[in-house]
Structure formats: C-alpha cells, structure tokens
Amino acid sequence: MVDEKYKVAWKRRATIKFASLYHVDHRRALRNTHLLLSIDPYRCANGVANFPNYPFNGYLWIMINNIIIVYRVRPKEKFVSIETCYSALTGEAAEIFFGILPNDDIDE
C-alpha cells in the first residue's frame, strides 16, 4: 500500500521572503523542501514554534539548506502550507529558533 503524499504550497509572504534571501541555492532549497515535507511533514520537523510574542506559535518548523521554514499541516486534506521562512544564518533566527542569545559581554 502506497501512502499518499502531501501537497506543499507556499503562502505569498513566504515566497516573497524566500526570494529575498541571499547566499541560498533557491532551486536546491525548493526541491528539498518539497521532497521532505511531501513525504512526512511531522517526522522531519525540528520542532514546534513556541516563542514569546511570535505570530506563528503552534506551527512546525524545519531547517533546510540554511533556511528555516515555518509551516502548518492540514492532515485531512494532505496539505502543507508554508507560512514564512528565515535565513538560518542571522542572529534573529539563532535567538528565536535555537535560543542562542547574543553575547553582550565582549572582551575588549
């Protein structure tokens, strides 16, 4: 028995943010995103967003090709909706998704 794949679609705001990312192989990132999320979007997630004042709390997230993809899954429709994305190379992403705070004490 073959399990049906999930359909993966990007929201408009996610597409715009994705297009503006630098130092990214966009083709590879798109291919890997669709491949991973269409097979089993729950298993490949790095976690569930649960951050103070974050508008996408409760959504799943994954890091693919130095891009953090925030998405939600509608299991009945077999549909994955990519809501937004971030460069994983920024301090903002490190703080939000990995809890790495900037070092305020710099030795001089």
PDB file of N, CA and C in Angstrom:
ATOM      1  N   MET A   1       0.840  -1.178   0.000  1.00  0.00           N
ATOM      2  CA  MET A   1       0.000   0.000   0.000  1.00  0.00           C
ATOM      3  C   MET A   1       0.887   1.244   0.000  1.00  0.00           C
ATOM      4  N   VAL A   2       0.656   2.130  -0.918  1.00  0.00           N
ATOM      5  CA  VAL A   2       1.426   3.361  -1.026  1.00  0.00           C
ATOM      6  C   VAL A   2       0.670   4.480  -0.327  1.00  0.00           C
ATOM      7  N   ASP A   3       1.371   5.167   0.581  1.00  0.00           N
ATOM      8  CA  ASP A   3       0.766   6.281   1.295  1.00  0.00           C
ATOM      9  C   ASP A   3       0.770   7.511   0.390  1.00  0.00           C
ATOM     10  N   GLU A   4      -0.328   8.230   0.400  1.00  0.00           N
ATOM     11  CA  GLU A   4      -0.412   9.437  -0.416  1.00  0.00           C
ATOM     12  C   GLU A   4       0.548  10.505   0.100  1.00  0.00           C
ATOM     13  N   LYS A   5       1.103  11.254  -0.818  1.00  0.00           N
ATOM     14  CA  LYS A   5       1.984  12.356  -0.435  1.00  0.00           C
ATOM     15  C   LYS A   5       1.169  13.600  -0.124  1.00  0.00           C
ATOM     16  N   TYR A   6       1.783  14.471   0.654  1.00  0.00           N
ATOM     17  CA  TYR A   6       1.173  15.750   0.974  1.00  0.00           C
ATOM     18  C   TYR A   6       1.459  16.736  -0.152  1.00  0.00           C
ATOM     19  N   LYS A   7       0.502  17.597  -0.430  1.00  0.00           N
ATOM     20  CA  LYS A   7       0.732  18.693  -1.363  1.00  0.00           C
ATOM     21  C   LYS A   7       1.374  19.827  -0.574  1.00  0.00           C
ATOM     22  N   VAL A   8       2.415  20.436  -1.128  1.00  0.00           N
ATOM     23  CA  VAL A   8       3.137  21.512  -0.453  1.00  0.00           C
ATOM     24  C   VAL A   8       2.927  22.803  -1.233  1.00  0.00           C
ATOM     25  N   ALA A   9       2.496  23.855  -0.537  1.00  0.00           N
ATOM     26  CA  ALA A   9       2.272  25.153  -1.183  1.00  0.00           C
ATOM     27  C   ALA A   9       2.840  26.263  -0.305  1.00  0.00           C
ATOM     28  N   TRP A  10       3.378  27.282  -0.971  1.00  0.00           N
ATOM     29  CA  TRP A  10       3.950  28.440  -0.289  1.00  0.00           C
ATOM     30  C   TRP A  10       2.937  29.569  -0.253  1.00  0.00           C
ATOM     31  N   LYS A  11       2.761  30.167   0.925  1.00  0.00           N
ATOM     32  CA  LYS A  11       1.961  31.388   1.026  1.00  0.00           C
ATOM     33  C   LYS A  11       2.712  32.525   0.345  1.00  0.00           C
ATOM     34  N   ARG A  12       1.990  33.549  -0.035  1.00  0.00           N
ATOM     35  CA  ARG A  12       2.602  34.666  -0.762  1.00  0.00           C
ATOM     36  C   ARG A  12       3.728  35.326   0.038  1.00  0.00           C
ATOM     37  N   ARG A  13       3.486  35.595   1.338  1.00  0.00           N
ATOM     38  CA  ARG A  13       4.502  36.265   2.150  1.00  0.00           C
ATOM     39  C   ARG A  13       5.747  35.391   2.288  1.00  0.00           C
ATOM     40  N   ALA A  14       5.575  34.077   2.352  1.00  0.00           N
ATOM     41  CA  ALA A  14       6.714  33.168   2.444  1.00  0.00           C
ATOM     42  C   ALA A  14       7.511  33.176   1.144  1.00  0.00           C
ATOM     43  N   THR A  15       6.834  33.232   0.028  1.00  0.00           N
ATOM     44  CA  THR A  15       7.502  33.275  -1.272  1.00  0.00           C
ATOM     45  C   THR A  15       8.324  34.549  -1.420  1.00  0.00           C
ATOM     46  N   ILE A  16       7.773  35.668  -0.994  1.00  0.00           N
ATOM     47  CA  ILE A  16       8.483  36.943  -1.084  1.00  0.00           C
ATOM     48  C   ILE A  16       9.723  36.928  -0.195  1.00  0.00           C
ATOM     49  N   LYS A  17       9.579  36.417   1.037  1.00  0.00           N
ATOM     50  CA  LYS A  17      10.728  36.342   1.940  1.00  0.00           C
ATOM     51  C   LYS A  17      11.786  35.384   1.394  1.00  0.00           C
ATOM     52  N   PHE A  18      11.351  34.269   0.824  1.00  0.00           N
ATOM     53  CA  PHE A  18      12.277  33.292   0.261  1.00  0.00           C
ATOM     54  C   PHE A  18      13.075  33.896  -0.891  1.00  0.00           C
ATOM     55  N   ALA A  19      12.404  34.638  -1.741  1.00  0.00           N
ATOM     56  CA  ALA A  19      13.077  35.250  -2.889  1.00  0.00           C
ATOM     57  C   ALA A  19      14.105  36.286  -2.467  1.00  0.00           C
ATOM     58  N   SER A  20      13.923  36.882  -1.289  1.00  0.00           N
ATOM     59  CA  SER A  20      14.845  37.933  -0.846  1.00  0.00           C
ATOM     60  C   SER A  20      16.059  37.405  -0.080  1.00  0.00           C
ATOM     61  N   LEU A  21      16.124  36.089   0.142  1.00  0.00           N
ATOM     62  CA  LEU A  21      17.253  35.525   0.878  1.00  0.00           C
ATOM     63  C   LEU A  21      18.493  35.468  -0.003  1.00  0.00           C
ATOM     64  N   TYR A  22      19.621  35.871   0.569  1.00  0.00           N
ATOM     65  CA  TYR A  22      20.910  35.847  -0.131  1.00  0.00           C
ATOM     66  C   TYR A  22      21.696  34.605   0.268  1.00  0.00           C
ATOM     67  N   HIS A  23      22.669  34.256  -0.517  1.00  0.00           N
ATOM     68  CA  HIS A  23      23.558  33.125  -0.254  1.00  0.00           C
ATOM     69  C   HIS A  23      22.774  31.824  -0.081  1.00  0.00           C
ATOM     70  N   VAL A  24      21.780  31.643  -0.941  1.00  0.00           N
ATOM     71  CA  VAL A  24      20.936  30.455  -0.888  1.00  0.00           C
ATOM     72  C   VAL A  24      20.835  29.878  -2.293  1.00  0.00           C
ATOM     73  N   ASP A  25      20.961  28.573  -2.387  1.00  0.00           N
ATOM     74  CA  ASP A  25      20.690  27.900  -3.655  1.00  0.00           C
ATOM     75  C   ASP A  25      19.183  27.653  -3.694  1.00  0.00           C
ATOM     76  N   HIS A  26      18.455  28.576  -4.314  1.00  0.00           N
ATOM     77  CA  HIS A  26      16.998  28.544  -4.283  1.00  0.00           C
ATOM     78  C   HIS A  26      16.423  27.271  -4.892  1.00  0.00           C
ATOM     79  N   ARG A  27      16.977  26.821  -5.986  1.00  0.00           N
ATOM     80  CA  ARG A  27      16.458  25.593  -6.615  1.00  0.00           C
ATOM     81  C   ARG A  27      16.603  24.391  -5.704  1.00  0.00           C
ATOM     82  N   ARG A  28      17.775  24.242  -5.120  1.00  0.00           N
ATOM     83  CA  ARG A  28      18.002  23.106  -4.223  1.00  0.00           C
ATOM     84  C   ARG A  28      17.098  23.203  -2.990  1.00  0.00           C
ATOM     85  N   ALA A  29      16.967  24.397  -2.449  1.00  0.00           N
ATOM     86  CA  ALA A  29      16.120  24.577  -1.266  1.00  0.00           C
ATOM     87  C   ALA A  29      14.663  24.241  -1.573  1.00  0.00           C
ATOM     88  N   LEU A  30      14.164  24.688  -2.722  1.00  0.00           N
ATOM     89  CA  LEU A  30      12.785  24.357  -3.103  1.00  0.00           C
ATOM     90  C   LEU A  30      12.601  22.862  -3.284  1.00  0.00           C
ATOM     91  N   ARG A  31      13.532  22.241  -3.986  1.00  0.00           N
ATOM     92  CA  ARG A  31      13.435  20.801  -4.232  1.00  0.00           C
ATOM     93  C   ARG A  31      13.451  20.026  -2.918  1.00  0.00           C
ATOM     94  N   ASN A  32      14.394  20.353  -2.033  1.00  0.00           N
ATOM     95  CA  ASN A  32      14.489  19.642  -0.755  1.00  0.00           C
ATOM     96  C   ASN A  32      13.278  19.899   0.138  1.00  0.00           C
ATOM     97  N   THR A  33      12.779  21.122   0.124  1.00  0.00           N
ATOM     98  CA  THR A  33      11.590  21.441   0.915  1.00  0.00           C
ATOM     99  C   THR A  33      10.395  20.614   0.463  1.00  0.00           C
ATOM    100  N   HIS A  34      10.158  20.602  -0.831  1.00  0.00           N
ATOM    101  CA  HIS A  34       9.017  19.834  -1.339  1.00  0.00           C
ATOM    102  C   HIS A  34       9.201  18.339  -1.121  1.00  0.00           C
ATOM    103  N   LEU A  35      10.404  17.850  -1.287  1.00  0.00           N
ATOM    104  CA  LEU A  35      10.667  16.430  -1.083  1.00  0.00           C
ATOM    105  C   LEU A  35      10.409  16.026   0.363  1.00  0.00           C
ATOM    106  N   LEU A  36      11.009  16.741   1.308  1.00  0.00           N
ATOM    107  CA  LEU A  36      10.869  16.375   2.717  1.00  0.00           C
ATOM    108  C   LEU A  36       9.450  16.563   3.245  1.00  0.00           C
ATOM    109  N   LEU A  37       8.848  17.702   2.942  1.00  0.00           N
ATOM    110  CA  LEU A  37       7.529  17.986   3.514  1.00  0.00           C
ATOM    111  C   LEU A  37       6.408  17.200   2.853  1.00  0.00           C
ATOM    112  N   SER A  38       6.591  16.739   1.641  1.00  0.00           N
ATOM    113  CA  SER A  38       5.526  15.986   0.983  1.00  0.00           C
ATOM    114  C   SER A  38       5.456  14.545   1.473  1.00  0.00           C
ATOM    115  N   ILE A  39       6.545  14.031   2.010  1.00  0.00           N
ATOM    116  CA  ILE A  39       6.546  12.635   2.454  1.00  0.00           C
ATOM    117  C   ILE A  39       5.979  12.501   3.863  1.00  0.00           C
ATOM    118  N   ASP A  40       6.586  13.185   4.827  1.00  0.00           N
ATOM    119  CA  ASP A  40       6.119  13.108   6.215  1.00  0.00           C
ATOM    120  C   ASP A  40       6.467  14.409   6.942  1.00  0.00           C
ATOM    121  N   PRO A  41       5.591  15.404   6.864  1.00  0.00           N
ATOM    122  CA  PRO A  41       5.905  16.709   7.441  1.00  0.00           C
ATOM    123  C   PRO A  41       6.031  16.711   8.959  1.00  0.00           C
ATOM    124  N   TYR A  42       5.453  15.731   9.625  1.00  0.00           N
ATOM    125  CA  TYR A  42       5.549  15.684  11.083  1.00  0.00           C
ATOM    126  C   TYR A  42       6.899  15.127  11.530  1.00  0.00           C
ATOM    127  N   ARG A  43       7.346  14.081  10.882  1.00  0.00           N
ATOM    128  CA  ARG A  43       8.581  13.405  11.288  1.00  0.00           C
ATOM    129  C   ARG A  43       9.818  14.266  11.048  1.00  0.00           C
ATOM    130  N   CYS A  44       9.821  15.046   9.976  1.00  0.00           N
ATOM    131  CA  CYS A  44      11.028  15.809   9.638  1.00  0.00           C
ATOM    132  C   CYS A  44      11.101  17.163  10.345  1.00  0.00           C
ATOM    133  N   ALA A  45      10.096  17.552  11.086  1.00  0.00           N
ATOM    134  CA  ALA A  45      10.101  18.856  11.775  1.00  0.00           C
ATOM    135  C   ALA A  45      11.178  18.897  12.848  1.00  0.00           C
ATOM    136  N   ASN A  46      11.852  20.050  12.956  1.00  0.00           N
ATOM    137  CA  ASN A  46      12.824  20.253  14.022  1.00  0.00           C
ATOM    138  C   ASN A  46      12.146  20.619  15.334  1.00  0.00           C
ATOM    139  N   GLY A  47      10.934  21.130  15.261  1.00  0.00           N
ATOM    140  CA  GLY A  47      10.220  21.496  16.466  1.00  0.00           C
ATOM    141  C   GLY A  47       8.931  22.223  16.155  1.00  0.00           C
ATOM    142  N   VAL A  48       8.275  22.619  17.221  1.00  0.00           N
ATOM    143  CA  VAL A  48       7.041  23.395  17.130  1.00  0.00           C
ATOM    144  C   VAL A  48       7.351  24.788  17.661  1.00  0.00           C
ATOM    145  N   ALA A  49       6.965  25.799  16.915  1.00  0.00           N
ATOM    146  CA  ALA A  49       7.230  27.172  17.332  1.00  0.00           C
ATOM    147  C   ALA A  49       6.454  27.488  18.603  1.00  0.00           C
ATOM    148  N   ASN A  50       7.181  27.923  19.612  1.00  0.00           N
ATOM    149  CA  ASN A  50       6.582  28.308  20.886  1.00  0.00           C
ATOM    150  C   ASN A  50       7.491  29.357  21.518  1.00  0.00           C
ATOM    151  N   PHE A  51       7.443  30.554  20.970  1.00  0.00           N
ATOM    152  CA  PHE A  51       8.352  31.618  21.365  1.00  0.00           C
ATOM    153  C   PHE A  51       7.537  32.830  21.795  1.00  0.00           C
ATOM    154  N   PRO A  52       8.024  33.618  22.747  1.00  0.00           N
ATOM    155  CA  PRO A  52       7.284  34.795  23.207  1.00  0.00           C
ATOM    156  C   PRO A  52       6.975  35.774  22.069  1.00  0.00           C
ATOM    157  N   ASN A  53       5.725  36.160  21.975  1.00  0.00           N
ATOM    158  CA  ASN A  53       5.247  37.153  21.004  1.00  0.00           C
ATOM    159  C   ASN A  53       5.484  36.757  19.543  1.00  0.00           C
ATOM    160  N   TYR A  54       5.553  35.481  19.255  1.00  0.00           N
ATOM    161  CA  TYR A  54       5.789  35.027  17.886  1.00  0.00           C
ATOM    162  C   TYR A  54       4.447  34.721  17.229  1.00  0.00           C
ATOM    163  N   PRO A  55       4.164  35.288  16.055  1.00  0.00           N
ATOM    164  CA  PRO A  55       2.839  35.117  15.452  1.00  0.00           C
ATOM    165  C   PRO A  55       2.557  33.711  14.921  1.00  0.00           C
ATOM    166  N   PHE A  56       3.570  32.868  14.802  1.00  0.00           N
ATOM    167  CA  PHE A  56       3.362  31.536  14.249  1.00  0.00           C
ATOM    168  C   PHE A  56       3.517  30.436  15.299  1.00  0.00           C
ATOM    169  N   ASN A  57       3.232  30.754  16.542  1.00  0.00           N
ATOM    170  CA  ASN A  57       3.289  29.737  17.590  1.00  0.00           C
ATOM    171  C   ASN A  57       2.327  28.599  17.284  1.00  0.00           C
ATOM    172  N   GLY A  58       2.791  27.384  17.529  1.00  0.00           N
ATOM    173  CA  GLY A  58       1.989  26.200  17.252  1.00  0.00           C
ATOM    174  C   GLY A  58       2.256  25.598  15.879  1.00  0.00           C
ATOM    175  N   TYR A  59       2.990  26.306  15.037  1.00  0.00           N
ATOM    176  CA  TYR A  59       3.321  25.793  13.705  1.00  0.00           C
ATOM    177  C   TYR A  59       4.631  25.015  13.791  1.00  0.00           C
ATOM    178  N   LEU A  60       4.795  24.077  12.902  1.00  0.00           N
ATOM    179  CA  LEU A  60       6.026  23.302  12.834  1.00  0.00           C
ATOM    180  C   LEU A  60       7.104  24.099  12.111  1.00  0.00           C
ATOM    181  N   TRP A  61       8.366  23.771  12.383  1.00  0.00           N
ATOM    182  CA  TRP A  61       9.465  24.407  11.657  1.00  0.00           C
ATOM    183  C   TRP A  61      10.563  23.394  11.391  1.00  0.00           C
ATOM    184  N   ILE A  62      11.306  23.662  10.322  1.00  0.00           N
ATOM    185  CA  ILE A  62      12.401  22.788   9.901  1.00  0.00           C
ATOM    186  C   ILE A  62      13.489  23.659   9.286  1.00  0.00           C
ATOM    187  N   MET A  63      14.736  23.229   9.449  1.00  0.00           N
ATOM    188  CA  MET A  63      15.832  23.929   8.786  1.00  0.00           C
ATOM    189  C   MET A  63      16.273  23.090   7.586  1.00  0.00           C
ATOM    190  N   ILE A  64      16.194  23.705   6.412  1.00  0.00           N
ATOM    191  CA  ILE A  64      16.584  23.056   5.164  1.00  0.00           C
ATOM    192  C   ILE A  64      17.511  24.003   4.413  1.00  0.00           C
ATOM    193  N   ASN A  65      18.708  23.554   4.105  1.00  0.00           N
ATOM    194  CA  ASN A  65      19.667  24.349   3.336  1.00  0.00           C
ATOM    195  C   ASN A  65      19.853  25.759   3.914  1.00  0.00           C
ATOM    196  N   ASN A  66      20.075  25.861   5.212  1.00  0.00           N
ATOM    197  CA  ASN A  66      20.278  27.140   5.910  1.00  0.00           C
ATOM    198  C   ASN A  66      19.080  28.076   5.814  1.00  0.00           C
ATOM    199  N   ILE A  67      17.913  27.507   5.634  1.00  0.00           N
ATOM    200  CA  ILE A  67      16.667  28.271   5.637  1.00  0.00           C
ATOM    201  C   ILE A  67      15.743  27.626   6.664  1.00  0.00           C
ATOM    202  N   ILE A  68      15.158  28.441   7.506  1.00  0.00           N
ATOM    203  CA  ILE A  68      14.174  27.935   8.454  1.00  0.00           C
ATOM    204  C   ILE A  68      12.802  28.133   7.833  1.00  0.00           C
ATOM    205  N   ILE A  69      12.097  27.044   7.655  1.00  0.00           N
ATOM    206  CA  ILE A  69      10.772  27.028   7.043  1.00  0.00           C
ATOM    207  C   ILE A  69       9.746  26.824   8.159  1.00  0.00           C
ATOM    208  N   VAL A  70       8.773  27.708   8.265  1.00  0.00           N
ATOM    209  CA  VAL A  70       7.700  27.594   9.248  1.00  0.00           C
ATOM    210  C   VAL A  70       6.438  27.196   8.477  1.00  0.00           C
ATOM    211  N   TYR A  71       5.805  26.101   8.905  1.00  0.00           N
ATOM    212  CA  TYR A  71       4.679  25.568   8.137  1.00  0.00           C
ATOM    213  C   TYR A  71       3.623  24.956   9.046  1.00  0.00           C
ATOM    214  N   ARG A  72       2.450  24.780   8.480  1.00  0.00           N
ATOM    215  CA  ARG A  72       1.381  24.080   9.197  1.00  0.00           C
ATOM    216  C   ARG A  72       0.865  22.970   8.302  1.00  0.00           C
ATOM    217  N   VAL A  73       0.306  21.957   8.930  1.00  0.00           N
ATOM    218  CA  VAL A  73      -0.153  20.782   8.213  1.00  0.00           C
ATOM    219  C   VAL A  73      -1.652  20.625   8.415  1.00  0.00           C
ATOM    220  N   ARG A  74      -2.337  20.357   7.322  1.00  0.00           N
ATOM    221  CA  ARG A  74      -3.760  20.010   7.388  1.00  0.00           C
ATOM    222  C   ARG A  74      -3.869  18.539   6.984  1.00  0.00           C
ATOM    223  N   PRO A  75      -3.893  17.636   7.964  1.00  0.00           N
ATOM    224  CA  PRO A  75      -3.810  16.207   7.666  1.00  0.00           C
ATOM    225  C   PRO A  75      -4.996  15.655   6.877  1.00  0.00           C
ATOM    226  N   LYS A  76      -6.183  16.159   7.117  1.00  0.00           N
ATOM    227  CA  LYS A  76      -7.348  15.642   6.387  1.00  0.00           C
ATOM    228  C   LYS A  76      -7.246  15.914   4.897  1.00  0.00           C
ATOM    229  N   GLU A  77      -6.705  17.083   4.549  1.00  0.00           N
ATOM    230  CA  GLU A  77      -6.561  17.456   3.141  1.00  0.00           C
ATOM    231  C   GLU A  77      -5.226  17.003   2.559  1.00  0.00           C
ATOM    232  N   LYS A  78      -4.334  16.441   3.418  1.00  0.00           N
ATOM    233  CA  LYS A  78      -2.978  16.063   2.995  1.00  0.00           C
ATOM    234  C   LYS A  78      -2.277  17.274   2.376  1.00  0.00           C
ATOM    235  N   PHE A  79      -2.263  18.376   3.132  1.00  0.00           N
ATOM    236  CA  PHE A  79      -1.778  19.658   2.617  1.00  0.00           C
ATOM    237  C   PHE A  79      -0.818  20.290   3.612  1.00  0.00           C
ATOM    238  N   VAL A  80       0.323  20.787   3.117  1.00  0.00           N
ATOM    239  CA  VAL A  80       1.298  21.510   3.918  1.00  0.00           C
ATOM    240  C   VAL A  80       1.348  22.939   3.401  1.00  0.00           C
ATOM    241  N   SER A  81       1.143  23.889   4.289  1.00  0.00           N
ATOM    242  CA  SER A  81       1.168  25.302   3.930  1.00  0.00           C
ATOM    243  C   SER A  81       2.392  25.954   4.560  1.00  0.00           C
ATOM    244  N   ILE A  82       3.309  26.430   3.716  1.00  0.00           N
ATOM    245  CA  ILE A  82       4.498  27.123   4.212  1.00  0.00           C
ATOM    246  C   ILE A  82       4.113  28.575   4.456  1.00  0.00           C
ATOM    247  N   GLU A  83       4.204  28.981   5.719  1.00  0.00           N
ATOM    248  CA  GLU A  83       3.725  30.293   6.139  1.00  0.00           C
ATOM    249  C   GLU A  83       4.780  31.386   6.013  1.00  0.00           C
ATOM    250  N   THR A  84       6.019  31.085   6.395  1.00  0.00           N
ATOM    251  CA  THR A  84       7.097  32.063   6.322  1.00  0.00           C
ATOM    252  C   THR A  84       8.425  31.332   6.341  1.00  0.00           C
ATOM    253  N   CYS A  85       9.503  32.073   6.107  1.00  0.00           N
ATOM    254  CA  CYS A  85      10.835  31.482   6.157  1.00  0.00           C
ATOM    255  C   CYS A  85      11.840  32.533   6.582  1.00  0.00           C
ATOM    256  N   TYR A  86      12.994  32.064   7.051  1.00  0.00           N
ATOM    257  CA  TYR A  86      14.059  32.935   7.532  1.00  0.00           C
ATOM    258  C   TYR A  86      15.404  32.355   7.116  1.00  0.00           C
ATOM    259  N   SER A  87      16.383  33.204   7.001  1.00  0.00           N
ATOM    260  CA  SER A  87      17.744  32.724   6.843  1.00  0.00           C
ATOM    261  C   SER A  87      18.190  32.198   8.199  1.00  0.00           C
ATOM    262  N   ALA A  88      18.738  31.004   8.226  1.00  0.00           N
ATOM    263  CA  ALA A  88      19.211  30.427   9.483  1.00  0.00           C
ATOM    264  C   ALA A  88      20.542  31.016   9.899  1.00  0.00           C
ATOM    265  N   LEU A  89      21.110  31.891   9.079  1.00  0.00           N
ATOM    266  CA  LEU A  89      22.420  32.464   9.350  1.00  0.00           C
ATOM    267  C   LEU A  89      22.351  33.793  10.087  1.00  0.00           C
ATOM    268  N   THR A  90      21.161  34.218  10.497  1.00  0.00           N
ATOM    269  CA  THR A  90      21.012  35.510  11.163  1.00  0.00           C
ATOM    270  C   THR A  90      20.941  35.337  12.678  1.00  0.00           C
ATOM    271  N   GLY A  91      21.261  36.398  13.382  1.00  0.00           N
ATOM    272  CA  GLY A  91      21.159  36.386  14.833  1.00  0.00           C
ATOM    273  C   GLY A  91      19.723  36.251  15.307  1.00  0.00           C
ATOM    274  N   GLU A  92      18.801  36.845  14.549  1.00  0.00           N
ATOM    275  CA  GLU A  92      17.387  36.748  14.900  1.00  0.00           C
ATOM    276  C   GLU A  92      16.921  35.294  14.895  1.00  0.00           C
ATOM    277  N   ALA A  93      17.284  34.551  13.876  1.00  0.00           N
ATOM    278  CA  ALA A  93      16.891  33.144  13.790  1.00  0.00           C
ATOM    279  C   ALA A  93      17.556  32.328  14.890  1.00  0.00           C
ATOM    280  N   ALA A  94      18.821  32.614  15.176  1.00  0.00           N
ATOM    281  CA  ALA A  94      19.522  31.894  16.236  1.00  0.00           C
ATOM    282  C   ALA A  94      18.842  32.115  17.584  1.00  0.00           C
ATOM    283  N   GLU A  95      18.404  33.343  17.804  1.00  0.00           N
ATOM    284  CA  GLU A  95      17.746  33.662  19.069  1.00  0.00           C
ATOM    285  C   GLU A  95      16.353  33.037  19.152  1.00  0.00           C
ATOM    286  N   ILE A  96      15.572  33.172  18.088  1.00  0.00           N
ATOM    287  CA  ILE A  96      14.190  32.691  18.109  1.00  0.00           C
ATOM    288  C   ILE A  96      14.121  31.167  18.119  1.00  0.00           C
ATOM    289  N   PHE A  97      14.815  30.517  17.197  1.00  0.00           N
ATOM    290  CA  PHE A  97      14.621  29.082  16.999  1.00  0.00           C
ATOM    291  C   PHE A  97      15.565  28.201  17.808  1.00  0.00           C
ATOM    292  N   PHE A  98      16.750  28.716  18.141  1.00  0.00           N
ATOM    293  CA  PHE A  98      17.713  27.884  18.840  1.00  0.00           C
ATOM    294  C   PHE A  98      18.037  28.390  20.237  1.00  0.00           C
ATOM    295  N   GLY A  99      17.470  29.529  20.636  1.00  0.00           N
ATOM    296  CA  GLY A  99      17.677  30.060  21.973  1.00  0.00           C
ATOM    297  C   GLY A  99      19.076  30.578  22.225  1.00  0.00           C
ATOM    298  N   ILE A 100      19.805  30.883  21.164  1.00  0.00           N
ATOM    299  CA  ILE A 100      21.160  31.410  21.305  1.00  0.00           C
ATOM    300  C   ILE A 100      21.062  32.924  21.401  1.00  0.00           C
ATOM    301  N   LEU A 101      21.400  33.455  22.562  1.00  0.00           N
ATOM    302  CA  LEU A 101      21.314  34.894  22.785  1.00  0.00           C
ATOM    303  C   LEU A 101      22.614  35.570  22.387  1.00  0.00           C
ATOM    304  N   PRO A 102      22.532  36.778  21.860  1.00  0.00           N
ATOM    305  CA  PRO A 102      23.770  37.487  21.509  1.00  0.00           C
ATOM    306  C   PRO A 102      24.596  37.748  22.763  1.00  0.00           C
ATOM    307  N   ASN A 103      25.891  37.716  22.607  1.00  0.00           N
ATOM    308  CA  ASN A 103      26.799  37.930  23.725  1.00  0.00           C
ATOM    309  C   ASN A 103      26.957  39.421  23.971  1.00  0.00           C
ATOM    310  N   ASP A 104      26.419  39.896  25.075  1.00  0.00           N
ATOM    311  CA  ASP A 104      26.503  41.319  25.402  1.00  0.00           C
ATOM    312  C   ASP A 104      27.869  41.695  25.980  1.00  0.00           C
ATOM    313  N   ASP A 105      28.541  40.728  26.578  1.00  0.00           N
ATOM    314  CA  ASP A 105      29.832  40.996  27.208  1.00  0.00           C
ATOM    315  C   ASP A 105      30.958  40.637  26.240  1.00  0.00           C
ATOM    316  N   ILE A 106      31.471  41.625  25.581  1.00  0.00           N
ATOM    317  CA  ILE A 106      32.574  41.400  24.649  1.00  0.00           C
ATOM    318  C   ILE A 106      33.850  41.868  25.319  1.00  0.00           C
ATOM    319  N   ASP A 107      34.829  40.975  25.378  1.00  0.00           N
ATOM    320  CA  ASP A 107      36.119  41.339  25.988  1.00  0.00           C
ATOM    321  C   ASP A 107      36.828  42.361  25.105  1.00  0.00           C
ATOM    322  N   GLU A 108      37.291  43.400  25.731  1.00  0.00           N
ATOM    323  CA  GLU A 108      37.989  44.450  24.981  1.00  0.00           C
ATOM    324  C   GLU A 108      39.462  44.383  25.215  1.00  0.00           C
TER     325      GLU A 108
END
